[in-house]
Amino acid sequence: MTTPLPVGTRVRHYGQQWPAARSGAATVLEAKGPYSDDSWEYRVLTTQDFARSPGPDNPETRETWWNSTATIPAPAAG
């Protein structure tokens, strides 16, 4: 059985492949699962425009659900 990403983890969606997204384009708020295929669902806080990097003109103010198979943890800052 897999374990979910912790609440507060910075993540990006597999469709967000531009370099700036690698530092995260969303934050995990909640996890549900595991499901029969061992996946989880994450309620995340992400940007208003999914296709652009986060910033003052694209704030992370929208909540949505992402499946764990499409959710990539951002590398730890350091």
N, C-alpha and C. Protein backbone atom coordinates (compact mmCIF):
# COMPACT_ATOMS: atom_id res chain seq x y z
N MET A 1 0.84 -1.18 0.00
CA MET A 1 0.00 0.00 0.00
C MET A 1 0.89 1.25 0.00
N THR A 2 0.54 2.20 -0.81
CA THR A 2 1.29 3.45 -0.85
C THR A 2 0.80 4.38 0.24
N THR A 3 1.61 5.39 0.53
CA THR A 3 1.20 6.41 1.49
C THR A 3 0.99 7.71 0.72
N PRO A 4 0.07 8.54 1.16
CA PRO A 4 -0.19 9.79 0.44
C PRO A 4 0.89 10.83 0.70
N LEU A 5 0.94 11.82 -0.16
CA LEU A 5 1.81 12.97 0.08
C LEU A 5 1.24 13.74 1.27
N PRO A 6 2.08 14.28 2.11
CA PRO A 6 1.58 15.03 3.27
C PRO A 6 0.91 16.35 2.86
N VAL A 7 -0.05 16.76 3.66
CA VAL A 7 -0.67 18.08 3.47
C VAL A 7 0.45 19.12 3.53
N GLY A 8 0.39 20.09 2.64
CA GLY A 8 1.40 21.14 2.58
C GLY A 8 2.49 20.89 1.54
N THR A 9 2.54 19.67 0.97
CA THR A 9 3.55 19.36 -0.04
C THR A 9 3.32 20.19 -1.30
N ARG A 10 4.40 20.78 -1.81
CA ARG A 10 4.34 21.50 -3.08
C ARG A 10 4.41 20.47 -4.21
N VAL A 11 3.52 20.61 -5.19
CA VAL A 11 3.42 19.66 -6.28
C VAL A 11 3.18 20.38 -7.60
N ARG A 12 3.31 19.61 -8.68
CA ARG A 12 2.90 20.09 -9.99
C ARG A 12 2.16 18.95 -10.66
N HIS A 13 1.38 19.26 -11.67
CA HIS A 13 0.63 18.29 -12.43
C HIS A 13 1.52 17.77 -13.56
N TYR A 14 1.37 16.53 -13.96
CA TYR A 14 2.24 15.98 -15.00
C TYR A 14 2.17 16.79 -16.29
N GLY A 15 1.08 17.50 -16.52
CA GLY A 15 0.94 18.33 -17.72
C GLY A 15 1.70 19.65 -17.63
N GLN A 16 2.22 19.98 -16.47
CA GLN A 16 2.96 21.23 -16.27
C GLN A 16 4.45 20.94 -16.36
N GLN A 17 4.99 20.97 -17.56
CA GLN A 17 6.37 20.54 -17.77
C GLN A 17 7.37 21.70 -17.93
N TRP A 18 6.90 22.95 -17.92
CA TRP A 18 7.82 24.07 -18.09
C TRP A 18 8.73 24.18 -16.86
N PRO A 19 9.93 24.72 -17.02
CA PRO A 19 10.91 24.75 -15.91
C PRO A 19 10.39 25.40 -14.63
N ALA A 20 9.67 26.49 -14.71
CA ALA A 20 9.20 27.17 -13.50
C ALA A 20 8.25 26.31 -12.68
N ALA A 21 7.53 25.40 -13.32
CA ALA A 21 6.58 24.55 -12.60
C ALA A 21 7.29 23.53 -11.72
N ARG A 22 8.55 23.27 -11.99
CA ARG A 22 9.26 22.25 -11.22
C ARG A 22 9.40 22.61 -9.74
N SER A 23 9.25 23.90 -9.41
CA SER A 23 9.29 24.30 -8.01
C SER A 23 7.91 24.20 -7.37
N GLY A 24 6.94 23.75 -8.13
CA GLY A 24 5.60 23.56 -7.62
C GLY A 24 4.63 24.58 -8.15
N ALA A 25 3.44 24.13 -8.47
CA ALA A 25 2.39 25.01 -8.98
C ALA A 25 1.11 24.81 -8.19
N ALA A 26 1.21 24.05 -7.09
CA ALA A 26 0.04 23.78 -6.25
C ALA A 26 0.53 23.28 -4.89
N THR A 27 -0.39 23.27 -3.93
CA THR A 27 -0.11 22.79 -2.59
C THR A 27 -1.18 21.78 -2.20
N VAL A 28 -0.77 20.63 -1.69
CA VAL A 28 -1.72 19.60 -1.25
C VAL A 28 -2.45 20.09 0.00
N LEU A 29 -3.80 20.03 -0.07
CA LEU A 29 -4.64 20.42 1.06
C LEU A 29 -5.25 19.22 1.77
N GLU A 30 -5.45 18.11 1.01
CA GLU A 30 -6.14 16.94 1.56
C GLU A 30 -5.84 15.75 0.65
N ALA A 31 -5.87 14.56 1.20
CA ALA A 31 -5.70 13.33 0.42
C ALA A 31 -6.85 12.38 0.72
N LYS A 32 -7.33 11.69 -0.33
CA LYS A 32 -8.35 10.65 -0.19
C LYS A 32 -7.83 9.39 -0.84
N GLY A 33 -8.08 8.26 -0.21
CA GLY A 33 -7.65 6.99 -0.77
C GLY A 33 -7.10 6.12 0.34
N PRO A 34 -6.41 5.06 0.00
CA PRO A 34 -6.10 4.65 -1.36
C PRO A 34 -7.29 3.96 -2.03
N TYR A 35 -7.28 4.01 -3.36
CA TYR A 35 -8.31 3.36 -4.14
C TYR A 35 -7.84 1.98 -4.56
N SER A 36 -8.69 1.24 -5.25
CA SER A 36 -8.38 -0.16 -5.59
C SER A 36 -7.12 -0.31 -6.44
N ASP A 37 -6.73 0.75 -7.16
CA ASP A 37 -5.51 0.69 -7.97
C ASP A 37 -4.31 1.25 -7.21
N ASP A 38 -4.47 1.48 -5.90
CA ASP A 38 -3.43 2.00 -5.02
C ASP A 38 -3.13 3.48 -5.26
N SER A 39 -4.00 4.18 -5.99
CA SER A 39 -3.81 5.61 -6.22
C SER A 39 -4.53 6.41 -5.13
N TRP A 40 -4.23 7.68 -5.08
CA TRP A 40 -4.84 8.63 -4.16
C TRP A 40 -5.39 9.79 -4.97
N GLU A 41 -6.25 10.57 -4.36
CA GLU A 41 -6.67 11.84 -4.94
C GLU A 41 -6.25 12.93 -3.97
N TYR A 42 -5.77 14.03 -4.56
CA TYR A 42 -5.33 15.16 -3.75
C TYR A 42 -6.17 16.39 -4.07
N ARG A 43 -6.70 17.00 -3.01
CA ARG A 43 -7.32 18.32 -3.18
C ARG A 43 -6.17 19.30 -3.07
N VAL A 44 -5.98 20.10 -4.13
CA VAL A 44 -4.86 21.03 -4.17
C VAL A 44 -5.35 22.46 -4.35
N LEU A 45 -4.52 23.38 -3.91
CA LEU A 45 -4.72 24.80 -4.16
C LEU A 45 -3.75 25.15 -5.28
N THR A 46 -4.29 25.56 -6.42
CA THR A 46 -3.46 25.81 -7.59
C THR A 46 -3.82 27.14 -8.22
N THR A 47 -3.17 27.43 -9.32
CA THR A 47 -3.33 28.72 -10.00
C THR A 47 -4.66 28.83 -10.72
N GLN A 48 -5.06 30.05 -10.95
CA GLN A 48 -6.27 30.30 -11.71
C GLN A 48 -6.13 29.82 -13.16
N ASP A 49 -4.97 30.06 -13.75
CA ASP A 49 -4.69 29.62 -15.13
C ASP A 49 -3.67 28.49 -15.06
N PHE A 50 -4.15 27.28 -15.25
CA PHE A 50 -3.34 26.07 -15.13
C PHE A 50 -2.14 26.06 -16.07
N ALA A 51 -2.24 26.75 -17.19
CA ALA A 51 -1.20 26.71 -18.22
C ALA A 51 -0.08 27.72 -18.01
N ARG A 52 -0.17 28.51 -16.94
CA ARG A 52 0.87 29.51 -16.68
C ARG A 52 1.47 29.31 -15.29
N SER A 53 2.67 29.79 -15.13
CA SER A 53 3.37 29.69 -13.84
C SER A 53 2.69 30.54 -12.78
N PRO A 54 2.81 30.13 -11.51
CA PRO A 54 2.27 30.94 -10.42
C PRO A 54 2.98 32.28 -10.33
N GLY A 55 2.27 33.28 -9.89
CA GLY A 55 2.84 34.61 -9.70
C GLY A 55 1.75 35.59 -9.32
N PRO A 56 2.11 36.86 -9.14
CA PRO A 56 1.12 37.86 -8.73
C PRO A 56 -0.06 37.98 -9.69
N ASP A 57 0.18 37.75 -10.98
CA ASP A 57 -0.91 37.83 -11.96
C ASP A 57 -1.58 36.49 -12.21
N ASN A 58 -1.16 35.45 -11.48
CA ASN A 58 -1.75 34.12 -11.59
C ASN A 58 -1.68 33.44 -10.20
N PRO A 59 -2.47 33.94 -9.26
CA PRO A 59 -2.37 33.46 -7.88
C PRO A 59 -2.91 32.04 -7.71
N GLU A 60 -2.41 31.39 -6.68
CA GLU A 60 -2.88 30.04 -6.33
C GLU A 60 -4.10 30.19 -5.42
N THR A 61 -5.26 30.33 -6.05
CA THR A 61 -6.49 30.56 -5.30
C THR A 61 -7.61 29.61 -5.71
N ARG A 62 -7.32 28.65 -6.56
CA ARG A 62 -8.34 27.72 -7.06
C ARG A 62 -8.11 26.34 -6.47
N GLU A 63 -9.17 25.74 -5.90
CA GLU A 63 -9.09 24.37 -5.39
C GLU A 63 -9.62 23.41 -6.44
N THR A 64 -8.92 22.28 -6.59
CA THR A 64 -9.33 21.24 -7.51
C THR A 64 -8.76 19.91 -7.03
N TRP A 65 -9.17 18.80 -7.64
CA TRP A 65 -8.68 17.48 -7.29
C TRP A 65 -7.77 16.95 -8.38
N TRP A 66 -6.62 16.41 -7.99
CA TRP A 66 -5.68 15.76 -8.91
C TRP A 66 -5.47 14.33 -8.44
N ASN A 67 -5.42 13.39 -9.40
CA ASN A 67 -5.11 12.01 -9.08
C ASN A 67 -3.62 11.87 -8.83
N SER A 68 -3.24 10.95 -7.96
CA SER A 68 -1.82 10.78 -7.64
C SER A 68 -0.99 10.35 -8.85
N THR A 69 -1.62 9.70 -9.82
CA THR A 69 -0.87 9.29 -11.01
C THR A 69 -0.48 10.48 -11.88
N ALA A 70 -1.07 11.65 -11.61
CA ALA A 70 -0.76 12.86 -12.37
C ALA A 70 -0.13 13.94 -11.51
N THR A 71 0.24 13.59 -10.28
CA THR A 71 0.78 14.57 -9.33
C THR A 71 2.24 14.26 -9.04
N ILE A 72 3.09 15.27 -9.26
CA ILE A 72 4.52 15.12 -9.09
C ILE A 72 4.99 16.04 -7.95
N PRO A 73 5.60 15.47 -6.91
CA PRO A 73 6.11 16.34 -5.84
C PRO A 73 7.23 17.24 -6.37
N ALA A 74 7.23 18.48 -5.93
CA ALA A 74 8.31 19.42 -6.29
C ALA A 74 9.54 19.10 -5.44
N PRO A 75 10.72 19.29 -6.00
CA PRO A 75 11.93 19.08 -5.19
C PRO A 75 11.94 20.02 -3.99
N ALA A 76 12.50 19.56 -2.90
CA ALA A 76 12.61 20.40 -1.71
C ALA A 76 13.49 21.59 -2.01
N ALA A 77 13.09 22.76 -1.54
CA ALA A 77 13.92 23.95 -1.72
C ALA A 77 15.19 23.79 -0.90
N GLY A 78 16.27 24.28 -1.46
CA GLY A 78 17.47 24.14 -0.68
C GLY A 78 18.68 24.66 -1.31
